Amino acid sequence: MRYCHYYLQLCDLFSPEELVEVRLSRLADEWRITTRYAKKIVQELNRSGWIMWKPGVGRGNVSKLRLLHTKEHAALGLAKEHVRKKKIKEAFVLIHTHAPEVKDNFVDWLTDPSL
């Protein structure tokens, strides 16, 4: 997924399944991007089923965000995507950096002959 690394950063900020109030400007600051691009990323993550996003309509109304997957699930999925693109080193770096607890699961998947 194109924006998975942004989701992994969200996982560092918020707990999965917890509904939190957050402003789009805060996400843009955390991601070090413009608010306009942050809005695009949030819309794509919402459309892809990674987050639940309810925008706060009107001045002063805060948006609501819920992460729908764990950090481990996201990291494992992105690592598998790297492997499919023949980027093995990037996959192991990702697992080591973001979710070392799923390394065994990833290695088992990687050594599966049906891959």
N, C-alpha and C. Protein backbone atom coordinates (compact mmCIF):
# COMPACT_ATOMS: atom_id res chain seq x y z
N MET A 1 0.84 -1.18 0.00
CA MET A 1 0.00 0.00 0.00
C MET A 1 0.88 1.24 0.00
N ARG A 2 0.49 2.20 -0.74
CA ARG A 2 1.30 3.39 -0.95
C ARG A 2 1.53 4.22 0.32
N TYR A 3 0.53 4.30 1.18
CA TYR A 3 0.63 5.17 2.34
C TYR A 3 0.80 4.41 3.66
N CYS A 4 1.26 3.18 3.57
CA CYS A 4 1.36 2.35 4.77
C CYS A 4 2.32 2.92 5.81
N HIS A 5 3.41 3.56 5.37
CA HIS A 5 4.34 4.11 6.35
C HIS A 5 3.69 5.23 7.17
N TYR A 6 2.73 5.93 6.59
CA TYR A 6 1.99 6.94 7.36
C TYR A 6 1.11 6.26 8.41
N TYR A 7 0.53 5.11 8.03
CA TYR A 7 -0.27 4.36 8.99
C TYR A 7 0.58 3.86 10.15
N LEU A 8 1.79 3.41 9.85
CA LEU A 8 2.68 2.95 10.92
C LEU A 8 3.01 4.09 11.88
N GLN A 9 3.15 5.30 11.35
CA GLN A 9 3.39 6.45 12.22
C GLN A 9 2.16 6.75 13.07
N LEU A 10 0.97 6.57 12.51
CA LEU A 10 -0.26 6.74 13.30
C LEU A 10 -0.31 5.74 14.44
N CYS A 11 0.15 4.53 14.17
CA CYS A 11 0.17 3.49 15.21
C CYS A 11 1.08 3.86 16.37
N ASP A 12 2.12 4.64 16.10
CA ASP A 12 3.00 5.11 17.17
C ASP A 12 2.31 6.18 18.01
N LEU A 13 1.35 6.87 17.44
CA LEU A 13 0.67 7.97 18.14
C LEU A 13 -0.59 7.52 18.88
N PHE A 14 -1.32 6.59 18.28
CA PHE A 14 -2.63 6.21 18.81
C PHE A 14 -2.75 4.71 18.93
N SER A 15 -3.64 4.26 19.83
CA SER A 15 -3.90 2.83 20.01
C SER A 15 -4.93 2.37 18.99
N PRO A 16 -4.77 1.14 18.49
CA PRO A 16 -5.78 0.62 17.57
C PRO A 16 -7.13 0.47 18.28
N GLU A 17 -8.19 0.61 17.52
CA GLU A 17 -9.56 0.46 17.99
C GLU A 17 -10.02 1.55 18.96
N GLU A 18 -9.18 2.53 19.26
CA GLU A 18 -9.55 3.62 20.15
C GLU A 18 -9.97 4.82 19.30
N LEU A 19 -11.14 5.38 19.58
CA LEU A 19 -11.61 6.55 18.86
C LEU A 19 -10.98 7.79 19.48
N VAL A 20 -10.20 8.50 18.68
CA VAL A 20 -9.50 9.68 19.20
C VAL A 20 -9.89 10.91 18.39
N GLU A 21 -9.87 12.04 19.06
CA GLU A 21 -10.12 13.31 18.39
C GLU A 21 -8.77 13.89 17.97
N VAL A 22 -8.69 14.28 16.70
CA VAL A 22 -7.42 14.78 16.18
C VAL A 22 -7.71 15.79 15.08
N ARG A 23 -6.88 16.79 15.01
CA ARG A 23 -7.00 17.78 13.94
C ARG A 23 -6.09 17.36 12.78
N LEU A 24 -6.53 17.67 11.59
CA LEU A 24 -5.75 17.36 10.40
C LEU A 24 -4.40 18.06 10.44
N SER A 25 -4.36 19.24 11.03
CA SER A 25 -3.10 19.98 11.13
C SER A 25 -2.09 19.24 12.01
N ARG A 26 -2.57 18.54 13.03
CA ARG A 26 -1.65 17.77 13.88
C ARG A 26 -1.04 16.61 13.09
N LEU A 27 -1.87 15.93 12.30
CA LEU A 27 -1.35 14.83 11.49
C LEU A 27 -0.33 15.36 10.49
N ALA A 28 -0.62 16.49 9.88
CA ALA A 28 0.31 17.08 8.92
C ALA A 28 1.64 17.42 9.61
N ASP A 29 1.57 17.94 10.83
CA ASP A 29 2.79 18.25 11.57
C ASP A 29 3.58 16.99 11.91
N GLU A 30 2.88 15.95 12.34
CA GLU A 30 3.54 14.68 12.69
C GLU A 30 4.21 14.06 11.47
N TRP A 31 3.54 14.15 10.33
CA TRP A 31 4.06 13.56 9.10
C TRP A 31 5.01 14.49 8.36
N ARG A 32 5.09 15.74 8.82
CA ARG A 32 5.93 16.78 8.19
C ARG A 32 5.57 16.98 6.71
N ILE A 33 4.26 17.16 6.50
CA ILE A 33 3.74 17.42 5.16
C ILE A 33 2.69 18.53 5.26
N THR A 34 2.16 18.93 4.13
CA THR A 34 1.13 19.97 4.13
C THR A 34 -0.21 19.39 4.59
N THR A 35 -1.07 20.25 5.06
CA THR A 35 -2.40 19.83 5.48
C THR A 35 -3.19 19.25 4.30
N ARG A 36 -3.00 19.84 3.15
CA ARG A 36 -3.69 19.37 1.96
C ARG A 36 -3.29 17.93 1.62
N TYR A 37 -2.00 17.63 1.69
CA TYR A 37 -1.53 16.27 1.41
C TYR A 37 -1.95 15.31 2.53
N ALA A 38 -1.97 15.79 3.76
CA ALA A 38 -2.42 14.95 4.88
C ALA A 38 -3.88 14.56 4.67
N LYS A 39 -4.68 15.48 4.18
CA LYS A 39 -6.09 15.18 3.91
C LYS A 39 -6.21 14.09 2.86
N LYS A 40 -5.38 14.15 1.82
CA LYS A 40 -5.38 13.12 0.77
C LYS A 40 -5.01 11.76 1.35
N ILE A 41 -4.00 11.72 2.20
CA ILE A 41 -3.55 10.47 2.80
C ILE A 41 -4.64 9.89 3.69
N VAL A 42 -5.25 10.73 4.51
CA VAL A 42 -6.32 10.29 5.40
C VAL A 42 -7.48 9.73 4.59
N GLN A 43 -7.85 10.40 3.51
CA GLN A 43 -8.94 9.91 2.66
C GLN A 43 -8.60 8.54 2.05
N GLU A 44 -7.36 8.37 1.62
CA GLU A 44 -6.95 7.10 1.02
C GLU A 44 -6.92 5.99 2.07
N LEU A 45 -6.40 6.28 3.26
CA LEU A 45 -6.38 5.28 4.34
C LEU A 45 -7.79 4.89 4.73
N ASN A 46 -8.69 5.86 4.74
CA ASN A 46 -10.09 5.60 5.07
C ASN A 46 -10.74 4.75 3.97
N ARG A 47 -10.52 5.11 2.72
CA ARG A 47 -11.09 4.38 1.60
C ARG A 47 -10.57 2.94 1.54
N SER A 48 -9.31 2.75 1.92
CA SER A 48 -8.68 1.43 1.88
C SER A 48 -9.03 0.56 3.07
N GLY A 49 -9.73 1.10 4.05
CA GLY A 49 -10.15 0.32 5.21
C GLY A 49 -9.12 0.20 6.31
N TRP A 50 -8.13 1.08 6.31
CA TRP A 50 -7.12 1.06 7.37
C TRP A 50 -7.53 1.89 8.57
N ILE A 51 -8.28 2.95 8.33
CA ILE A 51 -8.74 3.81 9.42
C ILE A 51 -10.22 4.11 9.23
N MET A 52 -10.85 4.57 10.30
CA MET A 52 -12.18 5.12 10.24
C MET A 52 -12.00 6.60 10.52
N TRP A 53 -12.47 7.46 9.64
CA TRP A 53 -12.26 8.90 9.76
C TRP A 53 -13.59 9.61 9.63
N LYS A 54 -13.92 10.40 10.64
CA LYS A 54 -15.10 11.25 10.58
C LYS A 54 -14.62 12.69 10.69
N PRO A 55 -14.65 13.42 9.57
CA PRO A 55 -14.15 14.80 9.61
C PRO A 55 -15.05 15.68 10.45
N GLY A 56 -14.41 16.57 11.20
CA GLY A 56 -15.14 17.55 11.98
C GLY A 56 -15.58 18.68 11.06
N VAL A 57 -16.88 18.77 10.83
CA VAL A 57 -17.40 19.76 9.89
C VAL A 57 -17.63 21.07 10.63
N GLY A 58 -17.11 22.13 10.06
CA GLY A 58 -17.31 23.45 10.66
C GLY A 58 -16.13 23.88 11.51
N ARG A 59 -16.11 25.14 11.78
CA ARG A 59 -15.02 25.75 12.54
C ARG A 59 -14.99 25.24 13.98
N GLY A 60 -13.83 24.76 14.39
CA GLY A 60 -13.65 24.34 15.78
C GLY A 60 -14.07 22.92 16.08
N ASN A 61 -14.65 22.23 15.13
CA ASN A 61 -15.05 20.84 15.35
C ASN A 61 -13.89 19.92 15.00
N VAL A 62 -13.55 19.06 15.92
CA VAL A 62 -12.39 18.19 15.78
C VAL A 62 -12.81 16.89 15.09
N SER A 63 -11.97 16.39 14.21
CA SER A 63 -12.23 15.13 13.51
C SER A 63 -11.98 13.95 14.45
N LYS A 64 -12.59 12.81 14.10
CA LYS A 64 -12.43 11.59 14.89
C LYS A 64 -11.75 10.54 14.03
N LEU A 65 -10.81 9.82 14.66
CA LEU A 65 -9.99 8.84 13.96
C LEU A 65 -9.96 7.55 14.77
N ARG A 66 -10.07 6.42 14.06
CA ARG A 66 -9.91 5.11 14.68
C ARG A 66 -9.03 4.27 13.77
N LEU A 67 -7.99 3.69 14.34
CA LEU A 67 -7.13 2.77 13.60
C LEU A 67 -7.80 1.39 13.60
N LEU A 68 -7.90 0.78 12.44
CA LEU A 68 -8.64 -0.47 12.33
C LEU A 68 -7.76 -1.71 12.32
N HIS A 69 -6.43 -1.53 12.28
CA HIS A 69 -5.49 -2.66 12.28
C HIS A 69 -4.35 -2.36 13.25
N THR A 70 -3.74 -3.41 13.74
CA THR A 70 -2.59 -3.23 14.63
C THR A 70 -1.36 -2.84 13.82
N LYS A 71 -0.38 -2.33 14.50
CA LYS A 71 0.87 -1.97 13.86
C LYS A 71 1.55 -3.20 13.27
N GLU A 72 1.47 -4.30 13.99
CA GLU A 72 2.10 -5.54 13.54
C GLU A 72 1.47 -6.03 12.23
N HIS A 73 0.15 -5.96 12.15
CA HIS A 73 -0.55 -6.38 10.94
C HIS A 73 -0.15 -5.51 9.75
N ALA A 74 -0.07 -4.22 9.97
CA ALA A 74 0.32 -3.30 8.89
C ALA A 74 1.76 -3.53 8.44
N ALA A 75 2.66 -3.70 9.40
CA ALA A 75 4.07 -3.91 9.06
C ALA A 75 4.26 -5.22 8.32
N LEU A 76 3.59 -6.26 8.76
CA LEU A 76 3.69 -7.56 8.10
C LEU A 76 3.16 -7.49 6.67
N GLY A 77 2.04 -6.82 6.49
CA GLY A 77 1.47 -6.67 5.16
C GLY A 77 2.39 -5.90 4.22
N LEU A 78 2.98 -4.82 4.72
CA LEU A 78 3.89 -4.03 3.90
C LEU A 78 5.17 -4.81 3.59
N ALA A 79 5.66 -5.57 4.55
CA ALA A 79 6.86 -6.38 4.32
C ALA A 79 6.59 -7.44 3.25
N LYS A 80 5.42 -8.05 3.28
CA LYS A 80 5.06 -9.03 2.26
C LYS A 80 4.98 -8.37 0.88
N GLU A 81 4.46 -7.17 0.85
CA GLU A 81 4.40 -6.43 -0.41
C GLU A 81 5.80 -6.15 -0.96
N HIS A 82 6.73 -5.81 -0.05
CA HIS A 82 8.13 -5.60 -0.46
C HIS A 82 8.72 -6.87 -1.06
N VAL A 83 8.42 -8.01 -0.44
CA VAL A 83 8.95 -9.29 -0.94
C VAL A 83 8.40 -9.57 -2.34
N ARG A 84 7.12 -9.31 -2.53
CA ARG A 84 6.53 -9.54 -3.85
C ARG A 84 7.18 -8.67 -4.93
N LYS A 85 7.71 -7.53 -4.50
CA LYS A 85 8.40 -6.63 -5.44
C LYS A 85 9.90 -6.91 -5.48
N LYS A 86 10.32 -8.02 -4.84
CA LYS A 86 11.72 -8.46 -4.79
C LYS A 86 12.61 -7.48 -4.03
N LYS A 87 12.07 -6.85 -3.01
CA LYS A 87 12.82 -5.93 -2.15
C LYS A 87 12.95 -6.55 -0.75
N ILE A 88 13.72 -7.61 -0.70
CA ILE A 88 13.85 -8.41 0.53
C ILE A 88 14.49 -7.60 1.65
N LYS A 89 15.55 -6.87 1.33
CA LYS A 89 16.24 -6.09 2.36
C LYS A 89 15.31 -5.06 2.99
N GLU A 90 14.52 -4.37 2.17
CA GLU A 90 13.59 -3.37 2.69
C GLU A 90 12.55 -4.03 3.60
N ALA A 91 12.13 -5.24 3.24
CA ALA A 91 11.15 -5.96 4.04
C ALA A 91 11.70 -6.27 5.44
N PHE A 92 12.94 -6.77 5.50
CA PHE A 92 13.53 -7.08 6.81
C PHE A 92 13.81 -5.82 7.62
N VAL A 93 14.22 -4.75 6.97
CA VAL A 93 14.44 -3.48 7.68
C VAL A 93 13.12 -2.99 8.28
N LEU A 94 12.06 -3.08 7.50
CA LEU A 94 10.75 -2.65 7.98
C LEU A 94 10.31 -3.45 9.19
N ILE A 95 10.43 -4.77 9.10
CA ILE A 95 10.04 -5.63 10.22
C ILE A 95 10.89 -5.32 11.44
N HIS A 96 12.19 -5.21 11.25
CA HIS A 96 13.10 -4.93 12.36
C HIS A 96 12.79 -3.58 13.01
N THR A 97 12.47 -2.59 12.21
CA THR A 97 12.24 -1.23 12.72
C THR A 97 10.88 -1.08 13.39
N HIS A 98 9.83 -1.59 12.75
CA HIS A 98 8.47 -1.29 13.21
C HIS A 98 7.79 -2.41 13.99
N ALA A 99 8.16 -3.66 13.73
CA ALA A 99 7.43 -4.75 14.40
C ALA A 99 8.32 -5.98 14.56
N PRO A 100 9.36 -5.90 15.38
CA PRO A 100 10.26 -7.06 15.54
C PRO A 100 9.55 -8.29 16.11
N GLU A 101 8.42 -8.10 16.78
CA GLU A 101 7.72 -9.23 17.37
C GLU A 101 7.07 -10.15 16.33
N VAL A 102 6.93 -9.70 15.07
CA VAL A 102 6.36 -10.55 14.03
C VAL A 102 7.42 -11.12 13.09
N LYS A 103 8.68 -10.98 13.48
CA LYS A 103 9.76 -11.46 12.61
C LYS A 103 9.64 -12.96 12.34
N ASP A 104 9.37 -13.76 13.37
CA ASP A 104 9.25 -15.21 13.18
C ASP A 104 8.10 -15.55 12.23
N ASN A 105 6.99 -14.87 12.40
CA ASN A 105 5.84 -15.06 11.52
C ASN A 105 6.19 -14.71 10.08
N PHE A 106 6.93 -13.63 9.90
CA PHE A 106 7.35 -13.20 8.56
C PHE A 106 8.31 -14.21 7.93
N VAL A 107 9.26 -14.69 8.71
CA VAL A 107 10.23 -15.68 8.20
C VAL A 107 9.51 -16.97 7.82
N ASP A 108 8.54 -17.40 8.63
CA ASP A 108 7.76 -18.59 8.30
C ASP A 108 7.02 -18.40 6.97
N TRP A 109 6.43 -17.25 6.79
CA TRP A 109 5.74 -16.95 5.53
C TRP A 109 6.72 -16.95 4.36
N LEU A 110 7.89 -16.36 4.61
CA LEU A 110 8.89 -16.24 3.56
C LEU A 110 9.43 -17.60 3.11
N THR A 111 9.55 -18.54 4.04
CA THR A 111 10.09 -19.85 3.72
C THR A 111 9.01 -20.85 3.29
N ASP A 112 7.77 -20.42 3.24
CA ASP A 112 6.68 -21.28 2.80
C ASP A 112 6.85 -21.62 1.32
N PRO A 113 6.89 -22.89 0.97
CA PRO A 113 7.10 -23.27 -0.44
C PRO A 113 5.96 -22.86 -1.36
N SER A 114 4.80 -22.60 -0.83
CA SER A 114 3.66 -22.21 -1.67
C SER A 114 3.70 -20.74 -2.05
N LEU A 115 4.71 -20.01 -1.56
CA LEU A 115 4.88 -18.59 -1.87
C LEU A 115 5.18 -18.46 -3.32
